[in-house]
Amino acid sequence: METTVVTFKVNGSFAEWVAIFDSDEANKRHAEYKIKPLFRGQSKDDPQKVIVIHQHEEGMLEKFLIGNSDWISTHNVDMNSLEQSAWKGE
């Protein structure tokens, strides 16, 4: 398993983005790629900056982002601000 930390900016409010991220539709899309969201939060210093931590099989987050880019872009996510790092545990 791989744990991925993703940060990005939203163009709307955090509450609007959370409503989409926590939706049944998002849960279904995550499940299709066997992605388990562990944490999502908002920066204390910048209310437009979001962090999401996921666990998944290696490469699945990238496949999810490619396969769902049109859907994600309709949710006020600034894809140009997206940064991610991958972590492995023992």
C-alpha atoms as a PDB file:
ATOM      1  CA  MET A   1       0.000   0.000   0.000  1.00  0.00           C
ATOM      2  CA  GLU A   2       1.005   3.561  -0.651  1.00  0.00           C
ATOM      3  CA  THR A   3      -0.033   6.660   1.264  1.00  0.00           C
ATOM      4  CA  THR A   4      -0.270   9.849  -0.749  1.00  0.00           C
ATOM      5  CA  VAL A   5      -0.370  13.402   0.581  1.00  0.00           C
ATOM      6  CA  VAL A   6      -1.981  15.820  -1.860  1.00  0.00           C
ATOM      7  CA  THR A   7      -2.325  19.583  -1.446  1.00  0.00           C
ATOM      8  CA  PHE A   8      -4.119  21.989  -3.750  1.00  0.00           C
ATOM      9  CA  LYS A   9      -6.129  25.186  -3.763  1.00  0.00           C
ATOM     10  CA  VAL A  10      -9.867  25.508  -4.229  1.00  0.00           C
ATOM     11  CA  ASN A  11     -11.496  28.450  -5.973  1.00  0.00           C
ATOM     12  CA  GLY A  12     -14.661  28.203  -3.863  1.00  0.00           C
ATOM     13  CA  SER A  13     -15.087  27.625  -0.167  1.00  0.00           C
ATOM     14  CA  PHE A  14     -13.698  24.634   1.707  1.00  0.00           C
ATOM     15  CA  ALA A  15     -17.237  23.732   2.810  1.00  0.00           C
ATOM     16  CA  GLU A  16     -18.395  23.549  -0.812  1.00  0.00           C
ATOM     17  CA  TRP A  17     -15.472  21.319  -1.728  1.00  0.00           C
ATOM     18  CA  VAL A  18     -16.010  19.050   1.325  1.00  0.00           C
ATOM     19  CA  ALA A  19     -19.646  18.526   0.355  1.00  0.00           C
ATOM     20  CA  ILE A  20     -18.456  17.143  -2.988  1.00  0.00           C
ATOM     21  CA  PHE A  21     -15.535  15.160  -1.538  1.00  0.00           C
ATOM     22  CA  ASP A  22     -17.800  13.497   1.042  1.00  0.00           C
ATOM     23  CA  SER A  23     -20.570  12.765  -1.474  1.00  0.00           C
ATOM     24  CA  ASP A  24     -21.787   9.309  -2.485  1.00  0.00           C
ATOM     25  CA  GLU A  25     -20.548  10.019  -6.017  1.00  0.00           C
ATOM     26  CA  ALA A  26     -17.000  10.726  -4.777  1.00  0.00           C
ATOM     27  CA  ASN A  27     -17.078   7.624  -2.556  1.00  0.00           C
ATOM     28  CA  LYS A  28     -18.097   5.529  -5.574  1.00  0.00           C
ATOM     29  CA  ARG A  29     -15.328   6.985  -7.725  1.00  0.00           C
ATOM     30  CA  HIS A  30     -12.705   6.421  -5.009  1.00  0.00           C
ATOM     31  CA  ALA A  31     -13.888   2.831  -4.551  1.00  0.00           C
ATOM     32  CA  GLU A  32     -13.504   2.141  -8.282  1.00  0.00           C
ATOM     33  CA  TYR A  33      -9.771   2.796  -7.891  1.00  0.00           C
ATOM     34  CA  LYS A  34      -9.523   1.216  -4.406  1.00  0.00           C
ATOM     35  CA  ILE A  35      -8.609   4.571  -2.887  1.00  0.00           C
ATOM     36  CA  LYS A  36      -9.268   5.024   0.829  1.00  0.00           C
ATOM     37  CA  PRO A  37      -9.363   8.673   1.969  1.00  0.00           C
ATOM     38  CA  LEU A  38      -7.822   8.952   5.451  1.00  0.00           C
ATOM     39  CA  PHE A  39      -7.909  12.696   6.103  1.00  0.00           C
ATOM     40  CA  ARG A  40      -8.951  15.948   4.462  1.00  0.00           C
ATOM     41  CA  GLY A  41      -8.428  19.368   5.929  1.00  0.00           C
ATOM     42  CA  GLN A  42      -8.016  23.068   5.394  1.00  0.00           C
ATOM     43  CA  SER A  43      -4.867  25.115   6.001  1.00  0.00           C
ATOM     44  CA  LYS A  44      -5.001  27.329   9.092  1.00  0.00           C
ATOM     45  CA  ASP A  45      -2.986  29.963   7.211  1.00  0.00           C
ATOM     46  CA  ASP A  46      -4.746  29.846   3.835  1.00  0.00           C
ATOM     47  CA  PRO A  47      -8.462  28.950   3.744  1.00  0.00           C
ATOM     48  CA  GLN A  48      -8.209  28.103   0.032  1.00  0.00           C
ATOM     49  CA  LYS A  49      -5.506  25.441   0.565  1.00  0.00           C
ATOM     50  CA  VAL A  50      -6.629  21.837   1.091  1.00  0.00           C
ATOM     51  CA  ILE A  51      -4.775  18.677   2.101  1.00  0.00           C
ATOM     52  CA  VAL A  52      -5.972  15.137   1.409  1.00  0.00           C
ATOM     53  CA  ILE A  53      -4.281  11.938   2.572  1.00  0.00           C
ATOM     54  CA  HIS A  54      -5.209   8.685   0.801  1.00  0.00           C
ATOM     55  CA  GLN A  55      -4.140   5.048   0.929  1.00  0.00           C
ATOM     56  CA  HIS A  56      -4.189   2.979  -2.243  1.00  0.00           C
ATOM     57  CA  GLU A  57      -2.267   0.547  -4.369  1.00  0.00           C
ATOM     58  CA  GLU A  58       0.730   2.080  -6.096  1.00  0.00           C
ATOM     59  CA  GLY A  59      -0.216   4.127  -9.152  1.00  0.00           C
ATOM     60  CA  MET A  60      -3.948   4.153  -8.480  1.00  0.00           C
ATOM     61  CA  LEU A  61      -4.170   7.820  -7.477  1.00  0.00           C
ATOM     62  CA  GLU A  62      -2.594   8.875 -10.754  1.00  0.00           C
ATOM     63  CA  LYS A  63      -5.074   6.676 -12.652  1.00  0.00           C
ATOM     64  CA  PHE A  64      -7.927   8.212 -10.631  1.00  0.00           C
ATOM     65  CA  LEU A  65      -6.775  11.763 -11.400  1.00  0.00           C
ATOM     66  CA  ILE A  66      -6.473  11.016 -15.128  1.00  0.00           C
ATOM     67  CA  GLY A  67      -9.749   9.117 -15.314  1.00  0.00           C
ATOM     68  CA  ASN A  68     -11.686  11.761 -13.390  1.00  0.00           C
ATOM     69  CA  SER A  69      -9.960  15.010 -14.396  1.00  0.00           C
ATOM     70  CA  ASP A  70     -13.060  16.456 -16.091  1.00  0.00           C
ATOM     71  CA  TRP A  71     -15.217  15.660 -13.052  1.00  0.00           C
ATOM     72  CA  ILE A  72     -12.615  17.046 -10.606  1.00  0.00           C
ATOM     73  CA  SER A  73     -12.204  20.279 -12.574  1.00  0.00           C
ATOM     74  CA  THR A  74     -15.919  21.065 -12.131  1.00  0.00           C
ATOM     75  CA  HIS A  75     -15.448  21.237  -8.344  1.00  0.00           C
ATOM     76  CA  ASN A  76     -13.409  24.434  -8.130  1.00  0.00           C
ATOM     77  CA  VAL A  77     -10.124  22.550  -7.732  1.00  0.00           C
ATOM     78  CA  ASP A  78      -7.139  24.477  -9.056  1.00  0.00           C
ATOM     79  CA  MET A  79      -5.334  21.569 -10.745  1.00  0.00           C
ATOM     80  CA  ASN A  80      -2.299  23.814 -11.402  1.00  0.00           C
ATOM     81  CA  SER A  81      -1.734  24.100  -7.650  1.00  0.00           C
ATOM     82  CA  LEU A  82      -1.830  20.323  -7.065  1.00  0.00           C
ATOM     83  CA  GLU A  83       1.238  18.896  -5.315  1.00  0.00           C
ATOM     84  CA  GLN A  84       1.608  15.324  -4.162  1.00  0.00           C
ATOM     85  CA  SER A  85       4.074  13.106  -2.381  1.00  0.00           C
ATOM     86  CA  ALA A  86       3.969   9.335  -1.925  1.00  0.00           C
ATOM     87  CA  TRP A  87       4.906   7.461   1.249  1.00  0.00           C
ATOM     88  CA  LYS A  88       5.468   3.783   2.000  1.00  0.00           C
ATOM     89  CA  GLY A  89       5.276   2.131   5.397  1.00  0.00           C
ATOM     90  CA  GLU A  90       6.747  -1.070   6.727  1.00  0.00           C
END
